[in-house]
Amino acid sequence: MKYTFLILLIILIRPGFLRSQSSGNSISGRQKLIHLNRNVFMDTVWEGSVPPDSIMVYYYSVRGKYPESSETIRKQAQEYLETTHRIYSGSGYITFRFYIDHNGQMLKRVQVLQTDSLYKEYIFPGNLIMDLFVFLKTLHAWKPAQDIQQVPPYYINLMSFKIQNGTLVDIIP
């Protein structure tokens, strides 16, 4: 047992296993991208009583798509990005995977998935990810999760931002 703990500790502190990337511009103070092996998270704090990895209910199963059209959200996101006065780079997809609770609120533990236009692993500049995340947190009309027998009152939602040459061109779904 003692050696298992020591081996786990060595694995966790080896270079590159866990690192964070800070950004000082968000609506709630200092945000960090947290890199854990090949996964990137915005926040790893989970406040629910059900372990998040046990939740397998996705938004399409509960008709939990955001009530505005993807085109409307894209325009709002583009307007928000223009207010930052930043020049972004990169082409591909930035997808946020997050949980919605029974109050229709986005919970912490948001995973960030990044690919290039050919769906190969890619890393976008941190300020673009942070700015899109701050925009995502302004969306407050999510459908509340239903508390059904044997199903936790959360569902998983995904929102992908398609980027071409640093410009937001589409939102999926």
Protein backbone atom coordinates (compact mmCIF):
# COMPACT_ATOMS: atom_id res chain seq x y z
CA MET A 1 0.00 0.00 0.00
CA LYS A 2 2.79 2.38 0.94
CA TYR A 3 4.60 1.70 -2.35
CA THR A 4 1.43 2.06 -4.41
CA PHE A 5 0.91 5.53 -2.98
CA LEU A 6 4.53 6.45 -3.68
CA ILE A 7 4.32 5.24 -7.29
CA LEU A 8 1.08 7.14 -7.83
CA LEU A 9 2.65 10.28 -6.37
CA ILE A 10 5.68 9.96 -8.69
CA ILE A 11 3.41 9.52 -11.72
CA LEU A 12 1.37 12.58 -10.79
CA ILE A 13 4.32 14.90 -10.32
CA ARG A 14 6.31 13.87 -13.38
CA PRO A 15 6.83 16.76 -15.84
CA GLY A 16 4.00 17.26 -18.30
CA PHE A 17 1.46 15.16 -16.44
CA LEU A 18 -0.28 18.03 -14.70
CA ARG A 19 0.28 21.63 -15.70
CA SER A 20 -1.85 24.73 -15.81
CA GLN A 21 -2.05 27.66 -18.15
CA SER A 22 -3.28 30.90 -16.60
CA SER A 23 -5.17 33.77 -18.09
CA GLY A 24 -6.02 36.93 -16.25
CA ASN A 25 -9.12 37.96 -18.19
CA SER A 26 -12.37 36.41 -17.15
CA ILE A 27 -15.53 37.56 -15.50
CA SER A 28 -14.79 35.70 -12.29
CA GLY A 29 -11.15 36.59 -11.74
CA ARG A 30 -8.28 34.31 -12.67
CA GLN A 31 -9.15 31.22 -14.75
CA LYS A 32 -6.82 28.34 -15.57
CA LEU A 33 -6.64 25.70 -18.21
CA ILE A 34 -5.76 22.52 -16.38
CA HIS A 35 -3.89 19.91 -18.42
CA LEU A 36 -4.13 16.37 -17.11
CA ASN A 37 -2.32 14.02 -19.49
CA ARG A 38 -4.11 14.61 -22.81
CA ASN A 39 -7.24 16.13 -21.23
CA VAL A 40 -7.79 19.85 -20.70
CA PHE A 41 -10.27 21.17 -18.13
CA MET A 42 -11.45 24.66 -17.21
CA ASP A 43 -12.25 23.60 -13.66
CA THR A 44 -12.01 20.24 -11.92
CA VAL A 45 -14.17 21.00 -8.90
CA TRP A 46 -17.27 18.83 -8.69
CA GLU A 47 -19.96 19.69 -6.16
CA GLY A 48 -22.54 16.98 -6.89
CA SER A 49 -23.17 13.85 -4.87
CA VAL A 50 -23.02 11.63 -7.97
CA PRO A 51 -19.54 11.06 -9.48
CA PRO A 52 -19.47 12.97 -12.81
CA ASP A 53 -18.02 10.07 -14.77
CA SER A 54 -21.09 7.99 -13.92
CA ILE A 55 -23.38 10.43 -15.75
CA MET A 56 -24.09 9.21 -19.25
CA VAL A 57 -27.20 11.27 -20.09
CA TYR A 58 -26.48 13.59 -23.01
CA TYR A 59 -28.43 16.69 -24.03
CA TYR A 60 -30.00 15.04 -27.10
CA SER A 61 -31.57 12.35 -24.87
CA VAL A 62 -33.42 14.99 -22.85
CA ARG A 63 -33.88 17.61 -25.60
CA GLY A 64 -31.45 19.87 -23.78
CA LYS A 65 -30.10 21.82 -26.77
CA TYR A 66 -29.80 25.54 -26.03
CA PRO A 67 -33.10 27.23 -27.00
CA GLU A 68 -31.51 29.75 -29.39
CA SER A 69 -30.34 28.80 -32.86
CA SER A 70 -26.67 28.04 -33.44
CA GLU A 71 -26.49 31.00 -35.84
CA THR A 72 -27.83 33.39 -33.19
CA ILE A 73 -25.31 32.08 -30.65
CA ARG A 74 -22.51 32.36 -33.23
CA LYS A 75 -23.35 36.02 -33.87
CA GLN A 76 -23.44 36.74 -30.13
CA ALA A 77 -20.12 34.95 -29.63
CA GLN A 78 -18.54 36.80 -32.55
CA GLU A 79 -19.71 40.13 -31.14
CA TYR A 80 -18.26 39.18 -27.75
CA LEU A 81 -14.91 38.16 -29.28
CA GLU A 82 -14.74 41.48 -31.15
CA THR A 83 -15.08 43.37 -27.85
CA THR A 84 -11.86 41.76 -26.61
CA HIS A 85 -9.87 43.51 -29.40
CA ARG A 86 -7.64 40.43 -29.76
CA ILE A 87 -6.32 38.77 -32.86
CA TYR A 88 -6.76 35.00 -32.71
CA SER A 89 -5.14 32.26 -34.73
CA GLY A 90 -5.73 28.63 -35.58
CA SER A 91 -8.26 26.55 -37.47
CA GLY A 92 -10.32 23.66 -36.18
CA TYR A 93 -12.79 23.00 -33.39
CA ILE A 94 -12.91 23.96 -29.73
CA THR A 95 -15.51 21.88 -27.90
CA PHE A 96 -16.65 22.45 -24.34
CA ARG A 97 -18.13 19.43 -22.55
CA PHE A 98 -20.05 20.41 -19.42
CA TYR A 99 -22.87 19.44 -17.09
CA ILE A 100 -26.27 21.11 -16.65
CA ASP A 101 -28.09 20.61 -13.35
CA HIS A 102 -31.76 20.54 -12.28
CA ASN A 103 -31.77 24.37 -12.12
CA GLY A 104 -30.53 24.76 -15.69
CA GLN A 105 -27.13 25.96 -14.45
CA MET A 106 -23.78 24.96 -15.89
CA LEU A 107 -21.77 23.10 -13.26
CA LYS A 108 -18.05 23.18 -12.77
CA ARG A 109 -15.77 20.58 -14.36
CA VAL A 110 -15.80 21.76 -17.94
CA GLN A 111 -13.64 19.74 -20.31
CA VAL A 112 -12.07 21.40 -23.36
CA LEU A 113 -11.50 19.30 -26.49
CA GLN A 114 -9.39 20.78 -29.30
CA THR A 115 -8.85 19.47 -32.83
CA ASP A 116 -7.69 20.90 -36.12
CA SER A 117 -9.90 20.94 -39.24
CA LEU A 118 -8.99 17.30 -39.93
CA TYR A 119 -9.95 16.27 -36.35
CA LYS A 120 -6.33 15.72 -35.32
CA GLU A 121 -5.18 16.83 -31.88
CA TYR A 122 -4.43 20.56 -31.87
CA ILE A 123 -3.82 23.25 -29.25
CA PHE A 124 -5.37 26.68 -29.72
CA PRO A 125 -4.02 29.82 -28.05
CA GLY A 126 -5.17 29.96 -24.42
CA ASN A 127 -6.72 33.41 -24.74
CA LEU A 128 -9.15 32.19 -27.44
CA ILE A 129 -10.24 29.28 -25.24
CA MET A 130 -10.63 31.54 -22.21
CA ASP A 131 -12.63 34.12 -24.15
CA LEU A 132 -14.96 31.45 -25.58
CA PHE A 133 -15.39 29.99 -22.10
CA VAL A 134 -16.29 33.39 -20.65
CA PHE A 135 -18.87 33.76 -23.44
CA LEU A 136 -20.24 30.25 -22.80
CA LYS A 137 -20.79 31.18 -19.15
CA THR A 138 -23.08 34.04 -20.26
CA LEU A 139 -25.63 31.56 -21.66
CA HIS A 140 -28.27 31.05 -18.97
CA ALA A 141 -31.30 29.52 -20.73
CA TRP A 142 -30.31 25.85 -20.49
CA LYS A 143 -33.12 23.34 -20.02
CA PRO A 144 -33.10 22.09 -16.41
CA ALA A 145 -32.26 18.42 -15.94
CA GLN A 146 -35.15 16.25 -14.75
CA ASP A 147 -34.80 14.17 -11.61
CA ILE A 148 -35.85 10.76 -12.94
CA GLN A 149 -35.62 7.48 -11.02
CA GLN A 150 -32.15 5.94 -11.23
CA VAL A 151 -30.86 8.90 -13.28
CA PRO A 152 -28.92 11.76 -11.66
CA PRO A 153 -30.35 15.25 -12.07
CA TYR A 154 -27.59 16.29 -14.50
CA TYR A 155 -26.99 15.92 -18.19
CA ILE A 156 -23.91 16.38 -20.33
CA ASN A 157 -23.92 19.12 -22.91
CA LEU A 158 -21.47 19.89 -25.69
CA MET A 159 -20.89 23.09 -27.60
CA SER A 160 -18.33 23.24 -30.41
CA PHE A 161 -16.92 26.41 -31.89
CA LYS A 162 -15.57 26.05 -35.44
CA ILE A 163 -12.62 28.37 -36.02
CA GLN A 164 -11.04 29.22 -39.40
CA ASN A 165 -7.87 31.31 -39.40
CA GLY A 166 -8.70 32.66 -35.96
CA THR A 167 -12.29 33.61 -36.87
CA LEU A 168 -15.42 31.98 -35.43
CA VAL A 169 -17.40 30.61 -38.40
CA ASP A 170 -19.88 28.17 -36.86
CA ILE A 171 -21.27 26.70 -33.65
CA ILE A 172 -22.31 23.08 -33.36
CA PRO A 173 -25.00 22.05 -32.45
